[in-house]
Amino acid sequence: MIIVIGSVVTTPDIHDAVLDLSLEHVARSRGEPGCISHNVHVDCEDPARVVFVEYWTDMPALLAHFEVPASRDFVKRLRKLSPTPSDMKIFEAEPRQIA
């Protein structure tokens, strides 16, 4: 399983636009092959930070997601809005049950 954790910083004048754009992106992404979960959250400790948490079946599914024209457009639009570069980390993980 692939886990993606990303974030972007907003300002009061762009916050709602970033959230609208982000909600549209995650809703669309959830329907892509290999997407287990794709969510966006506002950081409770820093409301100017929007956090993305994604789970993908494997790296090929994530790479295919990156190539979807709407995903590429989302990144371009987000970069134009945010005053700072976004952050993204990709992890490979194995789910485990703890008894």
PDB file of N, CA and C in Angstrom:
ATOM      1  N   MET A   1       0.846  -1.167   0.000  1.00  0.00           N
ATOM      2  CA  MET A   1       0.000   0.000   0.000  1.00  0.00           C
ATOM      3  C   MET A   1       0.893   1.232   0.000  1.00  0.00           C
ATOM      4  N   ILE A   2       0.444   2.254  -0.695  1.00  0.00           N
ATOM      5  CA  ILE A   2       1.155   3.535  -0.756  1.00  0.00           C
ATOM      6  C   ILE A   2       0.336   4.561   0.015  1.00  0.00           C
ATOM      7  N   ILE A   3       1.011   5.315   0.869  1.00  0.00           N
ATOM      8  CA  ILE A   3       0.371   6.387   1.629  1.00  0.00           C
ATOM      9  C   ILE A   3       1.019   7.699   1.216  1.00  0.00           C
ATOM     10  N   VAL A   4       0.186   8.675   0.907  1.00  0.00           N
ATOM     11  CA  VAL A   4       0.668  10.006   0.538  1.00  0.00           C
ATOM     12  C   VAL A   4       0.143  10.986   1.574  1.00  0.00           C
ATOM     13  N   ILE A   5       1.047  11.778   2.123  1.00  0.00           N
ATOM     14  CA  ILE A   5       0.686  12.854   3.050  1.00  0.00           C
ATOM     15  C   ILE A   5       1.190  14.149   2.425  1.00  0.00           C
ATOM     16  N   GLY A   6       0.288  15.066   2.189  1.00  0.00           N
ATOM     17  CA  GLY A   6       0.672  16.338   1.586  1.00  0.00           C
ATOM     18  C   GLY A   6       0.020  17.488   2.313  1.00  0.00           C
ATOM     19  N   SER A   7       0.538  18.670   2.099  1.00  0.00           N
ATOM     20  CA  SER A   7      -0.074  19.851   2.712  1.00  0.00           C
ATOM     21  C   SER A   7       0.219  21.083   1.875  1.00  0.00           C
ATOM     22  N   VAL A   8      -0.623  22.070   2.094  1.00  0.00           N
ATOM     23  CA  VAL A   8      -0.474  23.356   1.430  1.00  0.00           C
ATOM     24  C   VAL A   8      -0.906  24.432   2.414  1.00  0.00           C
ATOM     25  N   VAL A   9      -0.252  25.572   2.337  1.00  0.00           N
ATOM     26  CA  VAL A   9      -0.564  26.698   3.220  1.00  0.00           C
ATOM     27  C   VAL A   9      -1.513  27.650   2.500  1.00  0.00           C
ATOM     28  N   THR A  10      -2.498  28.124   3.225  1.00  0.00           N
ATOM     29  CA  THR A  10      -3.438  29.088   2.672  1.00  0.00           C
ATOM     30  C   THR A  10      -3.304  30.415   3.401  1.00  0.00           C
ATOM     31  N   THR A  11      -4.004  31.390   2.906  1.00  0.00           N
ATOM     32  CA  THR A  11      -4.151  32.683   3.576  1.00  0.00           C
ATOM     33  C   THR A  11      -5.650  32.966   3.615  1.00  0.00           C
ATOM     34  N   PRO A  12      -6.087  33.892   4.456  1.00  0.00           N
ATOM     35  CA  PRO A  12      -7.529  34.135   4.560  1.00  0.00           C
ATOM     36  C   PRO A  12      -8.217  34.435   3.223  1.00  0.00           C
ATOM     37  N   ASP A  13      -7.530  35.114   2.330  1.00  0.00           N
ATOM     38  CA  ASP A  13      -8.157  35.484   1.055  1.00  0.00           C
ATOM     39  C   ASP A  13      -8.264  34.330   0.063  1.00  0.00           C
ATOM     40  N   ILE A  14      -7.491  33.252   0.250  1.00  0.00           N
ATOM     41  CA  ILE A  14      -7.556  32.112  -0.676  1.00  0.00           C
ATOM     42  C   ILE A  14      -8.054  30.831  -0.022  1.00  0.00           C
ATOM     43  N   HIS A  15      -8.252  30.857   1.284  1.00  0.00           N
ATOM     44  CA  HIS A  15      -8.583  29.634   2.027  1.00  0.00           C
ATOM     45  C   HIS A  15      -9.793  28.902   1.437  1.00  0.00           C
ATOM     46  N   ASP A  16     -10.887  29.601   1.229  1.00  0.00           N
ATOM     47  CA  ASP A  16     -12.094  28.955   0.698  1.00  0.00           C
ATOM     48  C   ASP A  16     -11.875  28.419  -0.710  1.00  0.00           C
ATOM     49  N   ALA A  17     -11.136  29.135  -1.529  1.00  0.00           N
ATOM     50  CA  ALA A  17     -10.850  28.674  -2.885  1.00  0.00           C
ATOM     51  C   ALA A  17     -10.003  27.400  -2.855  1.00  0.00           C
ATOM     52  N   VAL A  18      -9.029  27.339  -1.955  1.00  0.00           N
ATOM     53  CA  VAL A  18      -8.193  26.148  -1.817  1.00  0.00           C
ATOM     54  C   VAL A  18      -9.037  24.964  -1.360  1.00  0.00           C
ATOM     55  N   LEU A  19      -9.922  25.202  -0.383  1.00  0.00           N
ATOM     56  CA  LEU A  19     -10.780  24.108   0.085  1.00  0.00           C
ATOM     57  C   LEU A  19     -11.716  23.618  -1.006  1.00  0.00           C
ATOM     58  N   ASP A  20     -12.339  24.521  -1.739  1.00  0.00           N
ATOM     59  CA  ASP A  20     -13.239  24.124  -2.826  1.00  0.00           C
ATOM     60  C   ASP A  20     -12.496  23.304  -3.879  1.00  0.00           C
ATOM     61  N   LEU A  21     -11.347  23.790  -4.286  1.00  0.00           N
ATOM     62  CA  LEU A  21     -10.532  23.097  -5.283  1.00  0.00           C
ATOM     63  C   LEU A  21     -10.106  21.722  -4.762  1.00  0.00           C
ATOM     64  N   SER A  22      -9.715  21.665  -3.500  1.00  0.00           N
ATOM     65  CA  SER A  22      -9.249  20.420  -2.890  1.00  0.00           C
ATOM     66  C   SER A  22     -10.373  19.403  -2.756  1.00  0.00           C
ATOM     67  N   LEU A  23     -11.543  19.847  -2.328  1.00  0.00           N
ATOM     68  CA  LEU A  23     -12.678  18.931  -2.191  1.00  0.00           C
ATOM     69  C   LEU A  23     -13.084  18.350  -3.539  1.00  0.00           C
ATOM     70  N   GLU A  24     -13.044  19.170  -4.573  1.00  0.00           N
ATOM     71  CA  GLU A  24     -13.340  18.693  -5.924  1.00  0.00           C
ATOM     72  C   GLU A  24     -12.316  17.635  -6.349  1.00  0.00           C
ATOM     73  N   HIS A  25     -11.049  17.903  -6.060  1.00  0.00           N
ATOM     74  CA  HIS A  25      -9.972  16.974  -6.432  1.00  0.00           C
ATOM     75  C   HIS A  25     -10.102  15.635  -5.711  1.00  0.00           C
ATOM     76  N   VAL A  26     -10.323  15.655  -4.396  1.00  0.00           N
ATOM     77  CA  VAL A  26     -10.389  14.379  -3.680  1.00  0.00           C
ATOM     78  C   VAL A  26     -11.624  13.582  -4.090  1.00  0.00           C
ATOM     79  N   ALA A  27     -12.734  14.252  -4.327  1.00  0.00           N
ATOM     80  CA  ALA A  27     -13.948  13.541  -4.749  1.00  0.00           C
ATOM     81  C   ALA A  27     -13.714  12.835  -6.082  1.00  0.00           C
ATOM     82  N   ARG A  28     -13.062  13.505  -7.014  1.00  0.00           N
ATOM     83  CA  ARG A  28     -12.771  12.903  -8.313  1.00  0.00           C
ATOM     84  C   ARG A  28     -11.757  11.775  -8.177  1.00  0.00           C
ATOM     85  N   SER A  29     -10.739  11.995  -7.365  1.00  0.00           N
ATOM     86  CA  SER A  29      -9.666  11.009  -7.218  1.00  0.00           C
ATOM     87  C   SER A  29     -10.162   9.703  -6.619  1.00  0.00           C
ATOM     88  N   ARG A  30     -11.156   9.759  -5.762  1.00  0.00           N
ATOM     89  CA  ARG A  30     -11.681   8.542  -5.120  1.00  0.00           C
ATOM     90  C   ARG A  30     -12.204   7.529  -6.127  1.00  0.00           C
ATOM     91  N   GLY A  31     -12.580   7.968  -7.300  1.00  0.00           N
ATOM     92  CA  GLY A  31     -13.088   7.069  -8.319  1.00  0.00           C
ATOM     93  C   GLY A  31     -12.025   6.465  -9.215  1.00  0.00           C
ATOM     94  N   GLU A  32     -10.788   6.828  -9.002  1.00  0.00           N
ATOM     95  CA  GLU A  32      -9.710   6.314  -9.852  1.00  0.00           C
ATOM     96  C   GLU A  32      -9.320   4.898  -9.439  1.00  0.00           C
ATOM     97  N   PRO A  33      -8.902   4.078 -10.417  1.00  0.00           N
ATOM     98  CA  PRO A  33      -8.449   2.724 -10.097  1.00  0.00           C
ATOM     99  C   PRO A  33      -7.287   2.767  -9.106  1.00  0.00           C
ATOM    100  N   GLY A  34      -7.367   1.943  -8.085  1.00  0.00           N
ATOM    101  CA  GLY A  34      -6.291   1.847  -7.102  1.00  0.00           C
ATOM    102  C   GLY A  34      -6.392   2.812  -5.949  1.00  0.00           C
ATOM    103  N   CYS A  35      -7.360   3.728  -5.980  1.00  0.00           N
ATOM    104  CA  CYS A  35      -7.517   4.655  -4.859  1.00  0.00           C
ATOM    105  C   CYS A  35      -8.316   3.964  -3.753  1.00  0.00           C
ATOM    106  N   ILE A  36      -7.702   3.822  -2.600  1.00  0.00           N
ATOM    107  CA  ILE A  36      -8.372   3.240  -1.441  1.00  0.00           C
ATOM    108  C   ILE A  36      -9.082   4.348  -0.660  1.00  0.00           C
ATOM    109  N   SER A  37      -8.403   5.468  -0.512  1.00  0.00           N
ATOM    110  CA  SER A  37      -8.957   6.601   0.231  1.00  0.00           C
ATOM    111  C   SER A  37      -8.208   7.863  -0.180  1.00  0.00           C
ATOM    112  N   HIS A  38      -8.938   8.968  -0.250  1.00  0.00           N
ATOM    113  CA  HIS A  38      -8.320  10.252  -0.627  1.00  0.00           C
ATOM    114  C   HIS A  38      -9.099  11.336   0.112  1.00  0.00           C
ATOM    115  N   ASN A  39      -8.440  11.987   1.067  1.00  0.00           N
ATOM    116  CA  ASN A  39      -9.132  12.948   1.933  1.00  0.00           C
ATOM    117  C   ASN A  39      -8.345  14.235   2.094  1.00  0.00           C
ATOM    118  N   VAL A  40      -9.073  15.285   2.445  1.00  0.00           N
ATOM    119  CA  VAL A  40      -8.466  16.580   2.728  1.00  0.00           C
ATOM    120  C   VAL A  40      -8.995  17.060   4.075  1.00  0.00           C
ATOM    121  N   HIS A  41      -8.110  17.667   4.858  1.00  0.00           N
ATOM    122  CA  HIS A  41      -8.451  18.122   6.209  1.00  0.00           C
ATOM    123  C   HIS A  41      -7.833  19.496   6.459  1.00  0.00           C
ATOM    124  N   VAL A  42      -8.449  20.250   7.340  1.00  0.00           N
ATOM    125  CA  VAL A  42      -7.857  21.493   7.831  1.00  0.00           C
ATOM    126  C   VAL A  42      -7.143  21.148   9.133  1.00  0.00           C
ATOM    127  N   ASP A  43      -5.890  21.523   9.234  1.00  0.00           N
ATOM    128  CA  ASP A  43      -5.080  21.252  10.418  1.00  0.00           C
ATOM    129  C   ASP A  43      -5.675  21.980  11.626  1.00  0.00           C
ATOM    130  N   CYS A  44      -6.027  21.239  12.668  1.00  0.00           N
ATOM    131  CA  CYS A  44      -6.645  21.834  13.867  1.00  0.00           C
ATOM    132  C   CYS A  44      -5.690  22.762  14.619  1.00  0.00           C
ATOM    133  N   GLU A  45      -4.404  22.508  14.513  1.00  0.00           N
ATOM    134  CA  GLU A  45      -3.429  23.340  15.212  1.00  0.00           C
ATOM    135  C   GLU A  45      -2.980  24.533  14.382  1.00  0.00           C
ATOM    136  N   ASP A  46      -3.165  24.443  13.082  1.00  0.00           N
ATOM    137  CA  ASP A  46      -2.795  25.537  12.177  1.00  0.00           C
ATOM    138  C   ASP A  46      -3.836  25.593  11.063  1.00  0.00           C
ATOM    139  N   PRO A  47      -4.941  26.321  11.265  1.00  0.00           N
ATOM    140  CA  PRO A  47      -6.030  26.347  10.293  1.00  0.00           C
ATOM    141  C   PRO A  47      -5.646  26.879   8.911  1.00  0.00           C
ATOM    142  N   ALA A  48      -4.467  27.454   8.784  1.00  0.00           N
ATOM    143  CA  ALA A  48      -4.007  27.914   7.476  1.00  0.00           C
ATOM    144  C   ALA A  48      -3.351  26.782   6.684  1.00  0.00           C
ATOM    145  N   ARG A  49      -3.252  25.621   7.289  1.00  0.00           N
ATOM    146  CA  ARG A  49      -2.622  24.461   6.633  1.00  0.00           C
ATOM    147  C   ARG A  49      -3.701  23.441   6.275  1.00  0.00           C
ATOM    148  N   VAL A  50      -3.740  23.076   5.008  1.00  0.00           N
ATOM    149  CA  VAL A  50      -4.664  22.071   4.504  1.00  0.00           C
ATOM    150  C   VAL A  50      -3.854  20.805   4.248  1.00  0.00           C
ATOM    151  N   VAL A  51      -4.339  19.676   4.763  1.00  0.00           N
ATOM    152  CA  VAL A  51      -3.592  18.418   4.724  1.00  0.00           C
ATOM    153  C   VAL A  51      -4.335  17.378   3.891  1.00  0.00           C
ATOM    154  N   PHE A  52      -3.597  16.699   3.042  1.00  0.00           N
ATOM    155  CA  PHE A  52      -4.137  15.619   2.212  1.00  0.00           C
ATOM    156  C   PHE A  52      -3.601  14.292   2.727  1.00  0.00           C
ATOM    157  N   VAL A  53      -4.482  13.300   2.845  1.00  0.00           N
ATOM    158  CA  VAL A  53      -4.095  11.951   3.242  1.00  0.00           C
ATOM    159  C   VAL A  53      -4.688  11.002   2.209  1.00  0.00           C
ATOM    160  N   GLU A  54      -3.809  10.251   1.553  1.00  0.00           N
ATOM    161  CA  GLU A  54      -4.234   9.360   0.465  1.00  0.00           C
ATOM    162  C   GLU A  54      -3.685   7.956   0.698  1.00  0.00           C
ATOM    163  N   TYR A  55      -4.485   6.962   0.329  1.00  0.00           N
ATOM    164  CA  TYR A  55      -4.067   5.564   0.352  1.00  0.00           C
ATOM    165  C   TYR A  55      -4.299   4.990  -1.037  1.00  0.00           C
ATOM    166  N   TRP A  56      -3.263   4.386  -1.614  1.00  0.00           N
ATOM    167  CA  TRP A  56      -3.321   3.783  -2.945  1.00  0.00           C
ATOM    168  C   TRP A  56      -2.883   2.330  -2.858  1.00  0.00           C
ATOM    169  N   THR A  57      -3.421   1.500  -3.735  1.00  0.00           N
ATOM    170  CA  THR A  57      -3.081   0.080  -3.701  1.00  0.00           C
ATOM    171  C   THR A  57      -1.608  -0.167  -3.975  1.00  0.00           C
ATOM    172  N   ASP A  58      -1.036   0.610  -4.915  1.00  0.00           N
ATOM    173  CA  ASP A  58       0.363   0.404  -5.282  1.00  0.00           C
ATOM    174  C   ASP A  58       0.895   1.643  -6.008  1.00  0.00           C
ATOM    175  N   MET A  59       2.187   1.647  -6.264  1.00  0.00           N
ATOM    176  CA  MET A  59       2.831   2.790  -6.904  1.00  0.00           C
ATOM    177  C   MET A  59       2.331   3.027  -8.327  1.00  0.00           C
ATOM    178  N   PRO A  60       2.099   1.987  -9.135  1.00  0.00           N
ATOM    179  CA  PRO A  60       1.556   2.252 -10.472  1.00  0.00           C
ATOM    180  C   PRO A  60       0.215   2.999 -10.438  1.00  0.00           C
ATOM    181  N   ALA A  61      -0.631   2.690  -9.468  1.00  0.00           N
ATOM    182  CA  ALA A  61      -1.913   3.406  -9.353  1.00  0.00           C
ATOM    183  C   ALA A  61      -1.677   4.877  -9.018  1.00  0.00           C
ATOM    184  N   LEU A  62      -0.741   5.147  -8.114  1.00  0.00           N
ATOM    185  CA  LEU A  62      -0.442   6.536  -7.756  1.00  0.00           C
ATOM    186  C   LEU A  62       0.164   7.278  -8.944  1.00  0.00           C
ATOM    187  N   LEU A  63       1.078   6.646  -9.643  1.00  0.00           N
ATOM    188  CA  LEU A  63       1.693   7.297 -10.799  1.00  0.00           C
ATOM    189  C   LEU A  63       0.657   7.568 -11.890  1.00  0.00           C
ATOM    190  N   ALA A  64      -0.295   6.666 -12.064  1.00  0.00           N
ATOM    191  CA  ALA A  64      -1.378   6.902 -13.028  1.00  0.00           C
ATOM    192  C   ALA A  64      -2.216   8.099 -12.586  1.00  0.00           C
ATOM    193  N   HIS A  65      -2.451   8.225 -11.281  1.00  0.00           N
ATOM    194  CA  HIS A  65      -3.193   9.368 -10.729  1.00  0.00           C
ATOM    195  C   HIS A  65      -2.473  10.679 -11.066  1.00  0.00           C
ATOM    196  N   PHE A  66      -1.163  10.687 -10.937  1.00  0.00           N
ATOM    197  CA  PHE A  66      -0.385  11.888 -11.233  1.00  0.00           C
ATOM    198  C   PHE A  66      -0.489  12.287 -12.698  1.00  0.00           C
ATOM    199  N   GLU A  67      -0.781  11.337 -13.572  1.00  0.00           N
ATOM    200  CA  GLU A  67      -0.864  11.611 -15.005  1.00  0.00           C
ATOM    201  C   GLU A  67      -2.263  12.010 -15.477  1.00  0.00           C
ATOM    202  N   VAL A  68      -3.250  11.885 -14.628  1.00  0.00           N
ATOM    203  CA  VAL A  68      -4.611  12.286 -14.997  1.00  0.00           C
ATOM    204  C   VAL A  68      -4.606  13.801 -15.243  1.00  0.00           C
ATOM    205  N   PRO A  69      -5.096  14.258 -16.392  1.00  0.00           N
ATOM    206  CA  PRO A  69      -5.077  15.695 -16.680  1.00  0.00           C
ATOM    207  C   PRO A  69      -5.706  16.555 -15.577  1.00  0.00           C
ATOM    208  N   ALA A  70      -6.785  16.100 -14.978  1.00  0.00           N
ATOM    209  CA  ALA A  70      -7.425  16.875 -13.912  1.00  0.00           C
ATOM    210  C   ALA A  70      -6.526  16.971 -12.678  1.00  0.00           C
ATOM    211  N   SER A  71      -5.742  15.935 -12.407  1.00  0.00           N
ATOM    212  CA  SER A  71      -4.806  15.979 -11.276  1.00  0.00           C
ATOM    213  C   SER A  71      -3.690  16.978 -11.547  1.00  0.00           C
ATOM    214  N   ARG A  72      -3.185  16.963 -12.762  1.00  0.00           N
ATOM    215  CA  ARG A  72      -2.127  17.910 -13.129  1.00  0.00           C
ATOM    216  C   ARG A  72      -2.650  19.348 -13.064  1.00  0.00           C
ATOM    217  N   ASP A  73      -3.875  19.547 -13.517  1.00  0.00           N
ATOM    218  CA  ASP A  73      -4.497  20.867 -13.468  1.00  0.00           C
ATOM    219  C   ASP A  73      -4.688  21.324 -12.021  1.00  0.00           C
ATOM    220  N   PHE A  74      -5.098  20.395 -11.158  1.00  0.00           N
ATOM    221  CA  PHE A  74      -5.260  20.707  -9.737  1.00  0.00           C
ATOM    222  C   PHE A  74      -3.954  21.232  -9.143  1.00  0.00           C
ATOM    223  N   VAL A  75      -2.859  20.547  -9.419  1.00  0.00           N
ATOM    224  CA  VAL A  75      -1.561  20.960  -8.880  1.00  0.00           C
ATOM    225  C   VAL A  75      -1.187  22.349  -9.387  1.00  0.00           C
ATOM    226  N   LYS A  76      -1.370  22.590 -10.669  1.00  0.00           N
ATOM    227  CA  LYS A  76      -1.047  23.907 -11.235  1.00  0.00           C
ATOM    228  C   LYS A  76      -1.882  25.007 -10.589  1.00  0.00           C
ATOM    229  N   ARG A  77      -3.163  24.753 -10.432  1.00  0.00           N
ATOM    230  CA  ARG A  77      -4.054  25.759  -9.837  1.00  0.00           C
ATOM    231  C   ARG A  77      -3.711  25.994  -8.371  1.00  0.00           C
ATOM    232  N   LEU A  78      -3.388  24.928  -7.649  1.00  0.00           N
ATOM    233  CA  LEU A  78      -3.031  25.056  -6.238  1.00  0.00           C
ATOM    234  C   LEU A  78      -1.738  25.850  -6.079  1.00  0.00           C
ATOM    235  N   ARG A  79      -0.759  25.586  -6.937  1.00  0.00           N
ATOM    236  CA  ARG A  79       0.518  26.317  -6.881  1.00  0.00           C
ATOM    237  C   ARG A  79       0.318  27.809  -7.117  1.00  0.00           C
ATOM    238  N   LYS A  80      -0.624  28.153  -7.999  1.00  0.00           N
ATOM    239  CA  LYS A  80      -0.889  29.572  -8.261  1.00  0.00           C
ATOM    240  C   LYS A  80      -1.540  30.254  -7.063  1.00  0.00           C
ATOM    241  N   LEU A  81      -2.334  29.503  -6.304  1.00  0.00           N
ATOM    242  CA  LEU A  81      -3.038  30.081  -5.163  1.00  0.00           C
ATOM    243  C   LEU A  81      -2.167  30.214  -3.920  1.00  0.00           C
ATOM    244  N   SER A  82      -1.391  29.194  -3.617  1.00  0.00           N
ATOM    245  CA  SER A  82      -0.667  29.144  -2.345  1.00  0.00           C
ATOM    246  C   SER A  82       0.550  30.068  -2.333  1.00  0.00           C
ATOM    247  N   PRO A  83       0.782  30.738  -1.197  1.00  0.00           N
ATOM    248  CA  PRO A  83       1.947  31.625  -1.095  1.00  0.00           C
ATOM    249  C   PRO A  83       3.267  30.870  -0.895  1.00  0.00           C
ATOM    250  N   THR A  84       3.185  29.578  -0.566  1.00  0.00           N
ATOM    251  CA  THR A  84       4.390  28.781  -0.355  1.00  0.00           C
ATOM    252  C   THR A  84       4.266  27.463  -1.127  1.00  0.00           C
ATOM    253  N   PRO A  85       5.390  26.806  -1.414  1.00  0.00           N
ATOM    254  CA  PRO A  85       5.317  25.511  -2.100  1.00  0.00           C
ATOM    255  C   PRO A  85       4.585  24.477  -1.244  1.00  0.00           C
ATOM    256  N   SER A  86       3.885  23.583  -1.897  1.00  0.00           N
ATOM    257  CA  SER A  86       3.219  22.505  -1.171  1.00  0.00           C
ATOM    258  C   SER A  86       4.259  21.480  -0.740  1.00  0.00           C
ATOM    259  N   ASP A  87       3.843  20.602   0.167  1.00  0.00           N
ATOM    260  CA  ASP A  87       4.718  19.555   0.682  1.00  0.00           C
ATOM    261  C   ASP A  87       4.043  18.213   0.415  1.00  0.00           C
ATOM    262  N   MET A  88       4.821  17.214  -0.017  1.00  0.00           N
ATOM    263  CA  MET A  88       4.255  15.890  -0.240  1.00  0.00           C
ATOM    264  C   MET A  88       5.297  14.837   0.101  1.00  0.00           C
ATOM    265  N   LYS A  89       4.852  13.836   0.867  1.00  0.00           N
ATOM    266  CA  LYS A  89       5.702  12.707   1.201  1.00  0.00           C
ATOM    267  C   LYS A  89       4.956  11.436   0.817  1.00  0.00           C
ATOM    268  N   ILE A  90       5.689  10.475   0.252  1.00  0.00           N
ATOM    269  CA  ILE A  90       5.111   9.210  -0.189  1.00  0.00           C
ATOM    270  C   ILE A  90       5.772   8.088   0.608  1.00  0.00           C
ATOM    271  N   PHE A  91       4.917   7.204   1.163  1.00  0.00           N
ATOM    272  CA  PHE A  91       5.391   6.100   1.984  1.00  0.00           C
ATOM    273  C   PHE A  91       4.868   4.777   1.445  1.00  0.00           C
ATOM    274  N   GLU A  92       5.673   3.747   1.553  1.00  0.00           N
ATOM    275  CA  GLU A  92       5.223   2.399   1.251  1.00  0.00           C
ATOM    276  C   GLU A  92       4.983   1.714   2.590  1.00  0.00           C
ATOM    277  N   ALA A  93       3.816   1.106   2.744  1.00  0.00           N
ATOM    278  CA  ALA A  93       3.459   0.528   4.038  1.00  0.00           C
ATOM    279  C   ALA A  93       2.748  -0.797   3.865  1.00  0.00           C
ATOM    280  N   GLU A  94       2.805  -1.587   4.910  1.00  0.00           N
ATOM    281  CA  GLU A  94       2.076  -2.850   4.989  1.00  0.00           C
ATOM    282  C   GLU A  94       1.083  -2.727   6.133  1.00  0.00           C
ATOM    283  N   PRO A  95      -0.206  -2.908   5.847  1.00  0.00           N
ATOM    284  CA  PRO A  95      -1.178  -2.831   6.946  1.00  0.00           C
ATOM    285  C   PRO A  95      -1.008  -3.997   7.920  1.00  0.00           C
ATOM    286  N   ARG A  96      -1.204  -3.721   9.181  1.00  0.00           N
ATOM    287  CA  ARG A  96      -1.100  -4.749  10.229  1.00  0.00           C
ATOM    288  C   ARG A  96      -2.270  -4.585  11.194  1.00  0.00           C
ATOM    289  N   GLN A  97      -2.750  -5.707  11.680  1.00  0.00           N
ATOM    290  CA  GLN A  97      -3.786  -5.708  12.698  1.00  0.00           C
ATOM    291  C   GLN A  97      -3.119  -5.883  14.060  1.00  0.00           C
ATOM    292  N   ILE A  98      -3.501  -5.065  14.998  1.00  0.00           N
ATOM    293  CA  ILE A  98      -2.976  -5.192  16.347  1.00  0.00           C
ATOM    294  C   ILE A  98      -4.092  -5.759  17.219  1.00  0.00           C
ATOM    295  N   ALA A  99      -3.792  -6.886  17.840  1.00  0.00           N
ATOM    296  CA  ALA A  99      -4.818  -7.562  18.645  1.00  0.00           C
ATOM    297  C   ALA A  99      -4.843  -7.018  20.045  1.00  0.00           C
TER     298      ALA A  99
END
